[in-house]
Amino acid sequence: MALARVWATQLESGEVSSVKELARQNGLCHNYTARLLPLAYLAPDLTEAVLQGAQPRSVSLAGLTAQPLPWDWSEQRRRFAAIG
């Protein structure tokens, strides 16, 4: 999530112009980068739970990114609960 926030800042500031450029600069696959980037916009309470290791054990990176992450925080919480 920390890396996703750095990437989001780089995109928002214009330091990089696209997700493809971001992936190329980091030596990563474009699809992987695009899949992780939405974690920068995870609801603050969910971010805090993950950073503190307080999320349900079944919540994983693969589970959170298996489908596009909703922008709406309420929907994110529902997804989090469904995974957990």
PDB file of N, CA and C in Angstrom:
ATOM      1  N   MET A   1       0.825  -1.184   0.000  1.00  0.00           N
ATOM      2  CA  MET A   1       0.000   0.000   0.000  1.00  0.00           C
ATOM      3  C   MET A   1       0.872   1.251   0.000  1.00  0.00           C
ATOM      4  N   ALA A   2       1.974   1.201   0.703  1.00  0.00           N
ATOM      5  CA  ALA A   2       2.865   2.363   0.727  1.00  0.00           C
ATOM      6  C   ALA A   2       3.403   2.646  -0.669  1.00  0.00           C
ATOM      7  N   LEU A   3       3.778   1.593  -1.372  1.00  0.00           N
ATOM      8  CA  LEU A   3       4.277   1.766  -2.734  1.00  0.00           C
ATOM      9  C   LEU A   3       3.191   2.327  -3.643  1.00  0.00           C
ATOM     10  N   ALA A   4       1.980   1.852  -3.487  1.00  0.00           N
ATOM     11  CA  ALA A   4       0.865   2.363  -4.292  1.00  0.00           C
ATOM     12  C   ALA A   4       0.658   3.850  -4.036  1.00  0.00           C
ATOM     13  N   ARG A   5       0.827   4.281  -2.789  1.00  0.00           N
ATOM     14  CA  ARG A   5       0.664   5.712  -2.480  1.00  0.00           C
ATOM     15  C   ARG A   5       1.773   6.544  -3.126  1.00  0.00           C
ATOM     16  N   VAL A   6       2.974   6.022  -3.134  1.00  0.00           N
ATOM     17  CA  VAL A   6       4.076   6.730  -3.804  1.00  0.00           C
ATOM     18  C   VAL A   6       3.768   6.849  -5.288  1.00  0.00           C
ATOM     19  N   TRP A   7       3.312   5.745  -5.885  1.00  0.00           N
ATOM     20  CA  TRP A   7       2.976   5.771  -7.315  1.00  0.00           C
ATOM     21  C   TRP A   7       1.863   6.767  -7.605  1.00  0.00           C
ATOM     22  N   ALA A   8       0.840   6.793  -6.769  1.00  0.00           N
ATOM     23  CA  ALA A   8      -0.278   7.714  -6.973  1.00  0.00           C
ATOM     24  C   ALA A   8       0.215   9.159  -6.917  1.00  0.00           C
ATOM     25  N   THR A   9       1.092   9.443  -5.985  1.00  0.00           N
ATOM     26  CA  THR A   9       1.651  10.796  -5.860  1.00  0.00           C
ATOM     27  C   THR A   9       2.441  11.154  -7.119  1.00  0.00           C
ATOM     28  N   GLN A  10       3.214  10.213  -7.623  1.00  0.00           N
ATOM     29  CA  GLN A  10       3.990  10.469  -8.839  1.00  0.00           C
ATOM     30  C   GLN A  10       3.076  10.753 -10.031  1.00  0.00           C
ATOM     31  N   LEU A  11       1.993  10.005 -10.133  1.00  0.00           N
ATOM     32  CA  LEU A  11       1.044  10.237 -11.218  1.00  0.00           C
ATOM     33  C   LEU A  11       0.317  11.566 -11.058  1.00  0.00           C
ATOM     34  N   GLU A  12      -0.138  11.843  -9.838  1.00  0.00           N
ATOM     35  CA  GLU A  12      -0.892  13.078  -9.582  1.00  0.00           C
ATOM     36  C   GLU A  12      -0.040  14.328  -9.787  1.00  0.00           C
ATOM     37  N   SER A  13       1.247  14.235  -9.475  1.00  0.00           N
ATOM     38  CA  SER A  13       2.136  15.394  -9.603  1.00  0.00           C
ATOM     39  C   SER A  13       2.641  15.583 -11.034  1.00  0.00           C
ATOM     40  N   GLY A  14       2.432  14.576 -11.884  1.00  0.00           N
ATOM     41  CA  GLY A  14       2.926  14.654 -13.251  1.00  0.00           C
ATOM     42  C   GLY A  14       4.358  14.164 -13.387  1.00  0.00           C
ATOM     43  N   GLU A  15       4.932  13.651 -12.292  1.00  0.00           N
ATOM     44  CA  GLU A  15       6.294  13.126 -12.347  1.00  0.00           C
ATOM     45  C   GLU A  15       6.393  11.990 -13.366  1.00  0.00           C
ATOM     46  N   VAL A  16       5.340  11.207 -13.455  1.00  0.00           N
ATOM     47  CA  VAL A  16       5.204  10.201 -14.512  1.00  0.00           C
ATOM     48  C   VAL A  16       3.879  10.462 -15.209  1.00  0.00           C
ATOM     49  N   SER A  17       3.815  10.108 -16.482  1.00  0.00           N
ATOM     50  CA  SER A  17       2.628  10.482 -17.253  1.00  0.00           C
ATOM     51  C   SER A  17       1.587   9.383 -17.372  1.00  0.00           C
ATOM     52  N   SER A  18       1.971   8.155 -17.046  1.00  0.00           N
ATOM     53  CA  SER A  18       1.018   7.049 -17.205  1.00  0.00           C
ATOM     54  C   SER A  18       1.408   5.874 -16.322  1.00  0.00           C
ATOM     55  N   VAL A  19       0.482   4.960 -16.182  1.00  0.00           N
ATOM     56  CA  VAL A  19       0.757   3.739 -15.428  1.00  0.00           C
ATOM     57  C   VAL A  19       1.812   2.912 -16.155  1.00  0.00           C
ATOM     58  N   LYS A  20       1.772   2.914 -17.475  1.00  0.00           N
ATOM     59  CA  LYS A  20       2.777   2.179 -18.249  1.00  0.00           C
ATOM     60  C   LYS A  20       4.172   2.729 -17.989  1.00  0.00           C
ATOM     61  N   GLU A  21       4.305   4.052 -17.966  1.00  0.00           N
ATOM     62  CA  GLU A  21       5.603   4.664 -17.682  1.00  0.00           C
ATOM     63  C   GLU A  21       6.049   4.334 -16.265  1.00  0.00           C
ATOM     64  N   LEU A  22       5.131   4.389 -15.345  1.00  0.00           N
ATOM     65  CA  LEU A  22       5.412   4.054 -13.948  1.00  0.00           C
ATOM     66  C   LEU A  22       5.926   2.620 -13.839  1.00  0.00           C
ATOM     67  N   ALA A  23       5.257   1.702 -14.492  1.00  0.00           N
ATOM     68  CA  ALA A  23       5.676   0.295 -14.476  1.00  0.00           C
ATOM     69  C   ALA A  23       7.060   0.142 -15.092  1.00  0.00           C
ATOM     70  N   ARG A  24       7.269   0.777 -16.221  1.00  0.00           N
ATOM     71  CA  ARG A  24       8.559   0.683 -16.913  1.00  0.00           C
ATOM     72  C   ARG A  24       9.685   1.203 -16.025  1.00  0.00           C
ATOM     73  N   GLN A  25       9.470   2.340 -15.353  1.00  0.00           N
ATOM     74  CA  GLN A  25      10.503   2.921 -14.488  1.00  0.00           C
ATOM     75  C   GLN A  25      10.835   2.022 -13.300  1.00  0.00           C
ATOM     76  N   ASN A  26       9.855   1.238 -12.869  1.00  0.00           N
ATOM     77  CA  ASN A  26      10.065   0.365 -11.715  1.00  0.00           C
ATOM     78  C   ASN A  26      10.391  -1.067 -12.111  1.00  0.00           C
ATOM     79  N   GLY A  27      10.511  -1.312 -13.410  1.00  0.00           N
ATOM     80  CA  GLY A  27      10.843  -2.643 -13.891  1.00  0.00           C
ATOM     81  C   GLY A  27       9.751  -3.669 -13.601  1.00  0.00           C
ATOM     82  N   LEU A  28       8.510  -3.210 -13.646  1.00  0.00           N
ATOM     83  CA  LEU A  28       7.376  -4.066 -13.331  1.00  0.00           C
ATOM     84  C   LEU A  28       6.448  -4.205 -14.524  1.00  0.00           C
ATOM     85  N   CYS A  29       5.622  -5.205 -14.472  1.00  0.00           N
ATOM     86  CA  CYS A  29       4.593  -5.431 -15.476  1.00  0.00           C
ATOM     87  C   CYS A  29       3.506  -4.360 -15.329  1.00  0.00           C
ATOM     88  N   HIS A  30       3.030  -3.850 -16.451  1.00  0.00           N
ATOM     89  CA  HIS A  30       1.976  -2.829 -16.433  1.00  0.00           C
ATOM     90  C   HIS A  30       0.731  -3.335 -15.716  1.00  0.00           C
ATOM     91  N   ASN A  31       0.346  -4.579 -15.971  1.00  0.00           N
ATOM     92  CA  ASN A  31      -0.863  -5.128 -15.343  1.00  0.00           C
ATOM     93  C   ASN A  31      -0.726  -5.202 -13.823  1.00  0.00           C
ATOM     94  N   TYR A  32       0.440  -5.609 -13.355  1.00  0.00           N
ATOM     95  CA  TYR A  32       0.688  -5.701 -11.916  1.00  0.00           C
ATOM     96  C   TYR A  32       0.602  -4.305 -11.280  1.00  0.00           C
ATOM     97  N   THR A  33       1.227  -3.348 -11.912  1.00  0.00           N
ATOM     98  CA  THR A  33       1.218  -1.973 -11.404  1.00  0.00           C
ATOM     99  C   THR A  33      -0.204  -1.428 -11.370  1.00  0.00           C
ATOM    100  N   ALA A  34      -0.958  -1.646 -12.440  1.00  0.00           N
ATOM    101  CA  ALA A  34      -2.339  -1.164 -12.505  1.00  0.00           C
ATOM    102  C   ALA A  34      -3.224  -1.857 -11.467  1.00  0.00           C
ATOM    103  N   ARG A  35      -2.915  -3.103 -11.165  1.00  0.00           N
ATOM    104  CA  ARG A  35      -3.697  -3.843 -10.174  1.00  0.00           C
ATOM    105  C   ARG A  35      -3.435  -3.344  -8.748  1.00  0.00           C
ATOM    106  N   LEU A  36      -2.190  -2.942  -8.464  1.00  0.00           N
ATOM    107  CA  LEU A  36      -1.832  -2.480  -7.121  1.00  0.00           C
ATOM    108  C   LEU A  36      -2.153  -1.006  -6.880  1.00  0.00           C
ATOM    109  N   LEU A  37      -2.117  -0.202  -7.895  1.00  0.00           N
ATOM    110  CA  LEU A  37      -2.298   1.239  -7.744  1.00  0.00           C
ATOM    111  C   LEU A  37      -3.559   1.642  -6.978  1.00  0.00           C
ATOM    112  N   PRO A  38      -4.712   1.021  -7.192  1.00  0.00           N
ATOM    113  CA  PRO A  38      -5.909   1.415  -6.440  1.00  0.00           C
ATOM    114  C   PRO A  38      -5.788   1.250  -4.926  1.00  0.00           C
ATOM    115  N   LEU A  39      -4.832   0.474  -4.462  1.00  0.00           N
ATOM    116  CA  LEU A  39      -4.644   0.336  -3.011  1.00  0.00           C
ATOM    117  C   LEU A  39      -4.250   1.663  -2.367  1.00  0.00           C
ATOM    118  N   ALA A  40      -3.776   2.598  -3.168  1.00  0.00           N
ATOM    119  CA  ALA A  40      -3.445   3.934  -2.657  1.00  0.00           C
ATOM    120  C   ALA A  40      -4.701   4.658  -2.179  1.00  0.00           C
ATOM    121  N   TYR A  41      -5.858   4.211  -2.641  1.00  0.00           N
ATOM    122  CA  TYR A  41      -7.120   4.878  -2.327  1.00  0.00           C
ATOM    123  C   TYR A  41      -8.026   4.011  -1.465  1.00  0.00           C
ATOM    124  N   LEU A  42      -7.428   3.065  -0.743  1.00  0.00           N
ATOM    125  CA  LEU A  42      -8.180   2.227   0.174  1.00  0.00           C
ATOM    126  C   LEU A  42      -8.669   3.081   1.339  1.00  0.00           C
ATOM    127  N   ALA A  43      -9.861   2.803   1.821  1.00  0.00           N
ATOM    128  CA  ALA A  43     -10.441   3.560   2.941  1.00  0.00           C
ATOM    129  C   ALA A  43      -9.438   3.627   4.098  1.00  0.00           C
ATOM    130  N   PRO A  44      -9.345   4.774   4.753  1.00  0.00           N
ATOM    131  CA  PRO A  44      -8.349   4.947   5.819  1.00  0.00           C
ATOM    132  C   PRO A  44      -8.436   3.894   6.924  1.00  0.00           C
ATOM    133  N   ASP A  45      -9.625   3.516   7.330  1.00  0.00           N
ATOM    134  CA  ASP A  45      -9.740   2.516   8.396  1.00  0.00           C
ATOM    135  C   ASP A  45      -9.254   1.148   7.932  1.00  0.00           C
ATOM    136  N   LEU A  46      -9.478   0.821   6.660  1.00  0.00           N
ATOM    137  CA  LEU A  46      -8.996  -0.450   6.130  1.00  0.00           C
ATOM    138  C   LEU A  46      -7.482  -0.434   5.992  1.00  0.00           C
ATOM    139  N   THR A  47      -6.943   0.696   5.549  1.00  0.00           N
ATOM    140  CA  THR A  47      -5.492   0.852   5.450  1.00  0.00           C
ATOM    141  C   THR A  47      -4.855   0.662   6.815  1.00  0.00           C
ATOM    142  N   GLU A  48      -5.425   1.317   7.815  1.00  0.00           N
ATOM    143  CA  GLU A  48      -4.902   1.220   9.176  1.00  0.00           C
ATOM    144  C   GLU A  48      -4.948  -0.218   9.684  1.00  0.00           C
ATOM    145  N   ALA A  49      -6.044  -0.913   9.426  1.00  0.00           N
ATOM    146  CA  ALA A  49      -6.168  -2.304   9.865  1.00  0.00           C
ATOM    147  C   ALA A  49      -5.077  -3.172   9.237  1.00  0.00           C
ATOM    148  N   VAL A  50      -4.839  -2.984   7.950  1.00  0.00           N
ATOM    149  CA  VAL A  50      -3.812  -3.765   7.264  1.00  0.00           C
ATOM    150  C   VAL A  50      -2.435  -3.424   7.812  1.00  0.00           C
ATOM    151  N   LEU A  51      -2.140  -2.143   7.967  1.00  0.00           N
ATOM    152  CA  LEU A  51      -0.822  -1.734   8.461  1.00  0.00           C
ATOM    153  C   LEU A  51      -0.557  -2.223   9.876  1.00  0.00           C
ATOM    154  N   GLN A  52      -1.604  -2.355  10.665  1.00  0.00           N
ATOM    155  CA  GLN A  52      -1.456  -2.844  12.035  1.00  0.00           C
ATOM    156  C   GLN A  52      -1.538  -4.372  12.110  1.00  0.00           C
ATOM    157  N   GLY A  53      -1.816  -5.014  10.976  1.00  0.00           N
ATOM    158  CA  GLY A  53      -1.954  -6.463  10.961  1.00  0.00           C
ATOM    159  C   GLY A  53      -3.240  -6.926  11.622  1.00  0.00           C
ATOM    160  N   ALA A  54      -4.241  -6.044  11.667  1.00  0.00           N
ATOM    161  CA  ALA A  54      -5.503  -6.356  12.341  1.00  0.00           C
ATOM    162  C   ALA A  54      -6.597  -6.806  11.380  1.00  0.00           C
ATOM    163  N   GLN A  55      -6.269  -6.967  10.108  1.00  0.00           N
ATOM    164  CA  GLN A  55      -7.264  -7.434   9.149  1.00  0.00           C
ATOM    165  C   GLN A  55      -7.494  -8.924   9.363  1.00  0.00           C
ATOM    166  N   PRO A  56      -8.646  -9.434   8.942  1.00  0.00           N
ATOM    167  CA  PRO A  56      -8.873 -10.882   9.028  1.00  0.00           C
ATOM    168  C   PRO A  56      -7.770 -11.634   8.286  1.00  0.00           C
ATOM    169  N   ARG A  57      -7.400 -12.795   8.777  1.00  0.00           N
ATOM    170  CA  ARG A  57      -6.301 -13.571   8.182  1.00  0.00           C
ATOM    171  C   ARG A  57      -6.550 -13.893   6.716  1.00  0.00           C
ATOM    172  N   SER A  58      -7.805 -14.020   6.343  1.00  0.00           N
ATOM    173  CA  SER A  58      -8.120 -14.390   4.963  1.00  0.00           C
ATOM    174  C   SER A  58      -8.011 -13.210   3.992  1.00  0.00           C
ATOM    175  N   VAL A  59      -7.850 -12.004   4.496  1.00  0.00           N
ATOM    176  CA  VAL A  59      -7.683 -10.839   3.620  1.00  0.00           C
ATOM    177  C   VAL A  59      -6.228 -10.801   3.165  1.00  0.00           C
ATOM    178  N   SER A  60      -6.048 -10.921   1.857  1.00  0.00           N
ATOM    179  CA  SER A  60      -4.705 -10.942   1.284  1.00  0.00           C
ATOM    180  C   SER A  60      -4.620  -9.954   0.124  1.00  0.00           C
ATOM    181  N   LEU A  61      -3.413  -9.715  -0.313  1.00  0.00           N
ATOM    182  CA  LEU A  61      -3.208  -8.852  -1.472  1.00  0.00           C
ATOM    183  C   LEU A  61      -3.939  -9.427  -2.683  1.00  0.00           C
ATOM    184  N   ALA A  62      -3.825 -10.718  -2.877  1.00  0.00           N
ATOM    185  CA  ALA A  62      -4.506 -11.357  -4.012  1.00  0.00           C
ATOM    186  C   ALA A  62      -6.022 -11.187  -3.906  1.00  0.00           C
ATOM    187  N   GLY A  63      -6.550 -11.330  -2.706  1.00  0.00           N
ATOM    188  CA  GLY A  63      -7.991 -11.183  -2.514  1.00  0.00           C
ATOM    189  C   GLY A  63      -8.463  -9.760  -2.753  1.00  0.00           C
ATOM    190  N   LEU A  64      -7.669  -8.795  -2.292  1.00  0.00           N
ATOM    191  CA  LEU A  64      -8.053  -7.386  -2.462  1.00  0.00           C
ATOM    192  C   LEU A  64      -7.947  -6.925  -3.908  1.00  0.00           C
ATOM    193  N   THR A  65      -7.056  -7.531  -4.665  1.00  0.00           N
ATOM    194  CA  THR A  65      -6.825  -7.061  -6.033  1.00  0.00           C
ATOM    195  C   THR A  65      -7.339  -8.021  -7.102  1.00  0.00           C
ATOM    196  N   ALA A  66      -8.034  -9.071  -6.704  1.00  0.00           N
ATOM    197  CA  ALA A  66      -8.547 -10.045  -7.673  1.00  0.00           C
ATOM    198  C   ALA A  66      -9.533  -9.404  -8.649  1.00  0.00           C
ATOM    199  N   GLN A  67     -10.300  -8.453  -8.153  1.00  0.00           N
ATOM    200  CA  GLN A  67     -11.239  -7.688  -8.980  1.00  0.00           C
ATOM    201  C   GLN A  67     -10.905  -6.214  -8.775  1.00  0.00           C
ATOM    202  N   PRO A  68     -11.296  -5.365  -9.724  1.00  0.00           N
ATOM    203  CA  PRO A  68     -11.024  -3.938  -9.536  1.00  0.00           C
ATOM    204  C   PRO A  68     -11.577  -3.445  -8.197  1.00  0.00           C
ATOM    205  N   LEU A  69     -10.771  -2.704  -7.482  1.00  0.00           N
ATOM    206  CA  LEU A  69     -11.163  -2.183  -6.178  1.00  0.00           C
ATOM    207  C   LEU A  69     -12.150  -1.032  -6.369  1.00  0.00           C
ATOM    208  N   PRO A  70     -13.305  -1.099  -5.720  1.00  0.00           N
ATOM    209  CA  PRO A  70     -14.267   0.003  -5.856  1.00  0.00           C
ATOM    210  C   PRO A  70     -13.684   1.296  -5.270  1.00  0.00           C
ATOM    211  N   TRP A  71     -14.057   2.419  -5.837  1.00  0.00           N
ATOM    212  CA  TRP A  71     -13.608   3.708  -5.312  1.00  0.00           C
ATOM    213  C   TRP A  71     -14.379   4.083  -4.049  1.00  0.00           C
ATOM    214  N   ASP A  72     -15.626   3.644  -3.980  1.00  0.00           N
ATOM    215  CA  ASP A  72     -16.481   3.961  -2.840  1.00  0.00           C
ATOM    216  C   ASP A  72     -16.010   3.200  -1.601  1.00  0.00           C
ATOM    217  N   TRP A  73     -15.761   3.933  -0.509  1.00  0.00           N
ATOM    218  CA  TRP A  73     -15.228   3.303   0.700  1.00  0.00           C
ATOM    219  C   TRP A  73     -16.209   2.309   1.310  1.00  0.00           C
ATOM    220  N   SER A  74     -17.497   2.567   1.213  1.00  0.00           N
ATOM    221  CA  SER A  74     -18.482   1.614   1.734  1.00  0.00           C
ATOM    222  C   SER A  74     -18.412   0.298   0.972  1.00  0.00           C
ATOM    223  N   GLU A  75     -18.242   0.399  -0.339  1.00  0.00           N
ATOM    224  CA  GLU A  75     -18.101  -0.811  -1.163  1.00  0.00           C
ATOM    225  C   GLU A  75     -16.796  -1.535  -0.830  1.00  0.00           C
ATOM    226  N   GLN A  76     -15.750  -0.768  -0.577  1.00  0.00           N
ATOM    227  CA  GLN A  76     -14.481  -1.389  -0.188  1.00  0.00           C
ATOM    228  C   GLN A  76     -14.649  -2.167   1.124  1.00  0.00           C
ATOM    229  N   ARG A  77     -15.366  -1.579   2.071  1.00  0.00           N
ATOM    230  CA  ARG A  77     -15.592  -2.252   3.350  1.00  0.00           C
ATOM    231  C   ARG A  77     -16.397  -3.536   3.160  1.00  0.00           C
ATOM    232  N   ARG A  78     -17.365  -3.503   2.258  1.00  0.00           N
ATOM    233  CA  ARG A  78     -18.147  -4.708   1.963  1.00  0.00           C
ATOM    234  C   ARG A  78     -17.242  -5.801   1.356  1.00  0.00           C
ATOM    235  N   ARG A  79     -16.382  -5.391   0.448  1.00  0.00           N
ATOM    236  CA  ARG A  79     -15.448  -6.350  -0.175  1.00  0.00           C
ATOM    237  C   ARG A  79     -14.527  -6.935   0.884  1.00  0.00           C
ATOM    238  N   PHE A  80     -13.998  -6.076   1.746  1.00  0.00           N
ATOM    239  CA  PHE A  80     -13.110  -6.481   2.820  1.00  0.00           C
ATOM    240  C   PHE A  80     -13.815  -7.509   3.714  1.00  0.00           C
ATOM    241  N   ALA A  81     -15.061  -7.228   4.071  1.00  0.00           N
ATOM    242  CA  ALA A  81     -15.841  -8.128   4.927  1.00  0.00           C
ATOM    243  C   ALA A  81     -16.124  -9.443   4.201  1.00  0.00           C
ATOM    244  N   ALA A  82     -16.410  -9.381   2.912  1.00  0.00           N
ATOM    245  CA  ALA A  82     -16.715 -10.591   2.153  1.00  0.00           C
ATOM    246  C   ALA A  82     -15.491 -11.500   2.041  1.00  0.00           C
ATOM    247  N   ILE A  83     -14.329 -10.896   1.902  1.00  0.00           N
ATOM    248  CA  ILE A  83     -13.089 -11.680   1.820  1.00  0.00           C
ATOM    249  C   ILE A  83     -12.795 -12.286   3.198  1.00  0.00           C
ATOM    250  N   GLY A  84     -12.993 -11.463   4.219  1.00  0.00           N
ATOM    251  CA  GLY A  84     -12.666 -11.881   5.588  1.00  0.00           C
ATOM    252  C   GLY A  84     -13.724 -12.746   6.159  1.00  0.00           C
TER     253      GLY A  84
END
